[in-house]
Amino acid sequence: MNDKIIIIGPQGAGKGTQAQLLCHHYDFVHISIGEIFRWHMEHHTKLAARVQRIMNEGRLVPDEIVEEVVRKRLEEHDWNWGFVLDGFPRTRAQAEYLFENWNLDKAVYLDIPDEVVHGRVMSRAALGQGGGFTKRADDNPQALRVRLTEYHEKTAPLLQLFQKKNMLVTIDGNNSIDDVYDSVVAGLDLGEPVRPR
């Protein structure tokens, strides 16, 4: 088994949690783009300096920088049984880049209503913590609405692309962690786990 899986969903959908569960039970490697960038920031690398300059100018990190990070990570080939990619792609261009370079198997879309995203993010922001959750400086209702609008605009073409390639698995993310996980495993048709629960 060597599955290459993408996991997509808005902030608060539980992508990291589901990715970690899949990796634990099936020996996949969790590749979280957010975690990689955070590592670079914490260790003050050259990449972090480049990204910080871009962000200080109020610009988004360009696709080519994100693609470079993803390429370097995937080329480590430490994923004998496969990987779950979390946080990439975010645009159709990034998805096309992946298709050109890697044989992807499935894209799991954790579908949850905006009002549920809002409730989860705001409650976690109030706590300042959560499972795999990093509080953001812009976790306020207005900023979240803007992020969600941008997210939907970018994600719609992605979902259409994955659907066209017959690799989209849409999961109702508005359930318990265990129920969502069971739906993901069934949707991916993974069979018996390497490590049972």
Protein backbone atom coordinates (compact mmCIF):
# COMPACT_ATOMS: atom_id res chain seq x y z
CA MET A 1 0.00 0.00 0.00
CA ASN A 2 1.40 3.37 -1.03
CA ASP A 3 -1.45 5.86 -0.93
CA LYS A 4 -0.89 9.52 -1.69
CA ILE A 5 -3.76 11.39 -0.08
CA ILE A 6 -4.61 15.08 0.11
CA ILE A 7 -6.85 16.35 2.91
CA ILE A 8 -8.78 19.57 2.32
CA GLY A 9 -11.14 21.62 4.46
CA PRO A 10 -11.57 25.03 6.05
CA GLN A 11 -9.84 26.10 9.24
CA GLY A 12 -11.37 24.16 12.13
CA ALA A 13 -12.55 21.25 9.95
CA GLY A 14 -10.25 18.78 11.73
CA LYS A 15 -7.76 18.17 8.90
CA GLY A 16 -4.78 17.76 11.22
CA THR A 17 -6.66 15.45 13.58
CA GLN A 18 -7.90 13.18 10.77
CA ALA A 19 -4.50 13.17 9.08
CA GLN A 20 -2.82 12.12 12.34
CA LEU A 21 -5.34 9.31 12.88
CA LEU A 22 -4.82 7.99 9.34
CA CYS A 23 -1.05 8.14 9.75
CA HIS A 24 -1.13 6.37 13.10
CA HIS A 25 -3.32 3.50 11.92
CA TYR A 26 -1.92 3.04 8.40
CA ASP A 27 1.72 4.07 8.76
CA PHE A 28 1.32 7.01 6.41
CA VAL A 29 3.48 10.10 6.90
CA HIS A 30 1.65 13.31 7.83
CA ILE A 31 3.03 16.19 5.78
CA SER A 32 1.66 19.42 7.22
CA ILE A 33 2.73 22.48 5.24
CA GLY A 34 1.73 24.77 8.12
CA GLU A 35 4.01 22.85 10.50
CA ILE A 36 6.92 23.02 8.05
CA PHE A 37 6.58 26.79 7.73
CA ARG A 38 6.26 27.14 11.52
CA TRP A 39 9.47 25.13 11.94
CA HIS A 40 11.29 27.48 9.57
CA MET A 41 9.97 30.53 11.45
CA GLU A 42 10.99 29.12 14.83
CA HIS A 43 14.49 28.29 13.55
CA HIS A 44 14.95 31.61 11.70
CA THR A 45 15.98 29.97 8.43
CA LYS A 46 16.67 31.77 5.13
CA LEU A 47 13.27 30.64 3.90
CA ALA A 48 11.65 32.16 6.98
CA ALA A 49 13.37 35.47 6.26
CA ARG A 50 12.08 35.42 2.66
CA VAL A 51 8.53 34.63 3.80
CA GLN A 52 8.63 37.27 6.54
CA ARG A 53 9.69 39.95 4.04
CA ILE A 54 6.79 39.03 1.75
CA MET A 55 4.27 39.03 4.59
CA ASN A 56 5.59 42.36 5.95
CA GLU A 57 4.82 43.86 2.54
CA GLY A 58 1.24 42.62 2.89
CA ARG A 59 1.62 40.06 0.11
CA LEU A 60 0.63 36.39 0.05
CA VAL A 61 3.42 33.81 -0.07
CA PRO A 62 3.74 33.01 -3.81
CA ASP A 63 2.93 29.54 -5.16
CA GLU A 64 6.54 28.93 -6.21
CA ILE A 65 7.86 29.25 -2.64
CA VAL A 66 5.17 26.90 -1.28
CA GLU A 67 5.81 24.47 -4.15
CA GLU A 68 9.54 24.52 -3.38
CA VAL A 69 8.83 23.58 0.26
CA VAL A 70 6.44 20.79 -0.79
CA ARG A 71 8.87 19.44 -3.42
CA LYS A 72 11.78 19.30 -0.95
CA ARG A 73 9.60 17.54 1.65
CA LEU A 74 8.18 14.96 -0.76
CA GLU A 75 11.62 14.24 -2.20
CA GLU A 76 12.74 13.01 1.23
CA HIS A 77 10.83 9.80 0.36
CA ASP A 78 10.38 8.78 3.98
CA TRP A 79 6.80 7.70 3.24
CA ASN A 80 7.08 4.01 2.31
CA TRP A 81 3.37 3.38 2.92
CA GLY A 82 2.17 6.71 1.58
CA PHE A 83 1.47 10.19 2.86
CA VAL A 84 -1.36 12.50 3.88
CA LEU A 85 -0.73 16.03 2.61
CA ASP A 86 -2.36 18.71 4.78
CA GLY A 87 -2.39 22.40 3.79
CA PHE A 88 -1.52 21.98 0.11
CA PRO A 89 -2.73 22.50 -2.56
CA ARG A 90 -4.75 25.65 -1.92
CA THR A 91 -5.10 26.76 -5.54
CA ARG A 92 -5.72 25.05 -8.86
CA ALA A 93 -2.19 25.98 -9.98
CA GLN A 94 -0.73 24.19 -6.95
CA ALA A 95 -2.90 21.13 -7.68
CA GLU A 96 -1.69 21.05 -11.30
CA TYR A 97 1.89 21.19 -9.99
CA LEU A 98 1.21 18.13 -7.82
CA PHE A 99 -0.35 16.19 -10.70
CA GLU A 100 2.66 16.94 -12.89
CA ASN A 101 5.09 15.57 -10.32
CA TRP A 102 3.33 12.94 -8.17
CA ASN A 103 0.75 10.22 -8.75
CA LEU A 104 -1.96 11.26 -6.33
CA ASP A 105 -4.63 8.77 -5.27
CA LYS A 106 -7.40 10.58 -3.42
CA ALA A 107 -8.45 14.00 -2.15
CA VAL A 108 -10.51 13.95 1.07
CA TYR A 109 -12.73 17.01 1.47
CA LEU A 110 -13.97 17.63 5.02
CA ASP A 111 -17.16 19.56 4.35
CA ILE A 112 -18.52 21.61 7.24
CA PRO A 113 -20.88 24.62 7.20
CA ASP A 114 -19.37 28.07 7.68
CA GLU A 115 -21.34 28.63 10.89
CA VAL A 116 -19.76 25.47 12.38
CA VAL A 117 -16.29 26.67 11.32
CA HIS A 118 -17.07 30.00 12.96
CA GLY A 119 -18.19 28.36 16.21
CA ARG A 120 -15.17 26.04 16.40
CA VAL A 121 -12.56 28.67 15.57
CA MET A 122 -13.99 31.32 17.88
CA SER A 123 -14.36 28.92 20.81
CA ARG A 124 -10.79 27.67 20.35
CA ALA A 125 -9.52 31.22 19.97
CA ALA A 126 -11.16 32.04 23.30
CA LEU A 127 -9.34 29.09 24.87
CA GLY A 128 -6.13 29.94 23.05
CA GLN A 129 -5.39 26.29 22.47
CA GLY A 130 -6.76 23.05 21.09
CA GLY A 131 -5.73 19.75 19.58
CA GLY A 132 -3.26 20.69 16.89
CA PHE A 133 -4.76 24.19 16.85
CA THR A 134 -2.59 27.25 16.61
CA LYS A 135 -4.17 30.53 17.65
CA ARG A 136 -3.83 33.17 14.97
CA ALA A 137 -3.51 36.91 15.56
CA ASP A 138 -6.44 37.46 13.17
CA ASP A 139 -8.86 35.02 14.85
CA ASN A 140 -11.76 37.39 15.05
CA PRO A 141 -15.20 37.14 13.39
CA GLN A 142 -14.52 39.72 10.65
CA ALA A 143 -11.15 38.27 9.63
CA LEU A 144 -12.55 34.74 9.71
CA ARG A 145 -15.40 35.71 7.36
CA VAL A 146 -12.87 37.14 4.89
CA ARG A 147 -10.71 34.00 5.13
CA LEU A 148 -13.72 31.74 4.56
CA THR A 149 -14.82 33.71 1.50
CA GLU A 150 -11.30 33.47 0.04
CA TYR A 151 -11.14 29.80 0.97
CA HIS A 152 -14.39 28.98 -0.89
CA GLU A 153 -13.31 30.97 -3.95
CA LYS A 154 -10.04 29.05 -4.19
CA THR A 155 -11.39 25.65 -3.16
CA ALA A 156 -14.33 25.41 -5.56
CA PRO A 157 -12.09 25.03 -8.67
CA LEU A 158 -9.92 22.52 -6.75
CA LEU A 159 -12.90 20.34 -5.87
CA GLN A 160 -14.12 20.46 -9.48
CA LEU A 161 -10.67 19.37 -10.66
CA PHE A 162 -10.50 16.45 -8.20
CA GLN A 163 -14.06 15.44 -9.08
CA LYS A 164 -13.18 15.43 -12.78
CA LYS A 165 -10.22 13.16 -12.05
CA ASN A 166 -12.52 10.85 -10.06
CA MET A 167 -10.45 11.16 -6.90
CA LEU A 168 -12.65 13.32 -4.66
CA VAL A 169 -13.99 11.82 -1.42
CA THR A 170 -16.41 14.25 0.26
CA ILE A 171 -16.96 13.65 3.97
CA ASP A 172 -19.49 15.30 6.28
CA GLY A 173 -17.10 16.87 8.78
CA ASN A 174 -19.88 18.01 11.09
CA ASN A 175 -19.77 14.82 13.19
CA SER A 176 -17.69 13.40 16.02
CA ILE A 177 -13.98 12.80 15.36
CA ASP A 178 -14.53 9.00 15.39
CA ASP A 179 -17.50 9.16 13.00
CA VAL A 180 -15.62 11.41 10.59
CA TYR A 181 -12.60 9.10 10.75
CA ASP A 182 -14.74 6.00 10.04
CA SER A 183 -16.26 7.81 7.04
CA VAL A 184 -12.80 8.79 5.77
CA VAL A 185 -11.48 5.22 6.03
CA ALA A 186 -14.58 3.86 4.26
CA GLY A 187 -14.41 6.56 1.59
CA LEU A 188 -10.75 5.79 0.91
CA ASP A 189 -11.39 2.03 0.96
CA LEU A 190 -8.21 1.48 2.99
CA GLY A 191 -9.03 -1.94 4.39
CA GLU A 192 -7.68 -3.23 7.69
CA PRO A 193 -5.40 -0.84 9.56
CA VAL A 194 -1.77 -1.69 10.26
CA ARG A 195 -2.34 -0.67 13.89
CA PRO A 196 -5.93 -1.22 15.10
CA ARG A 197 -7.51 1.24 17.53
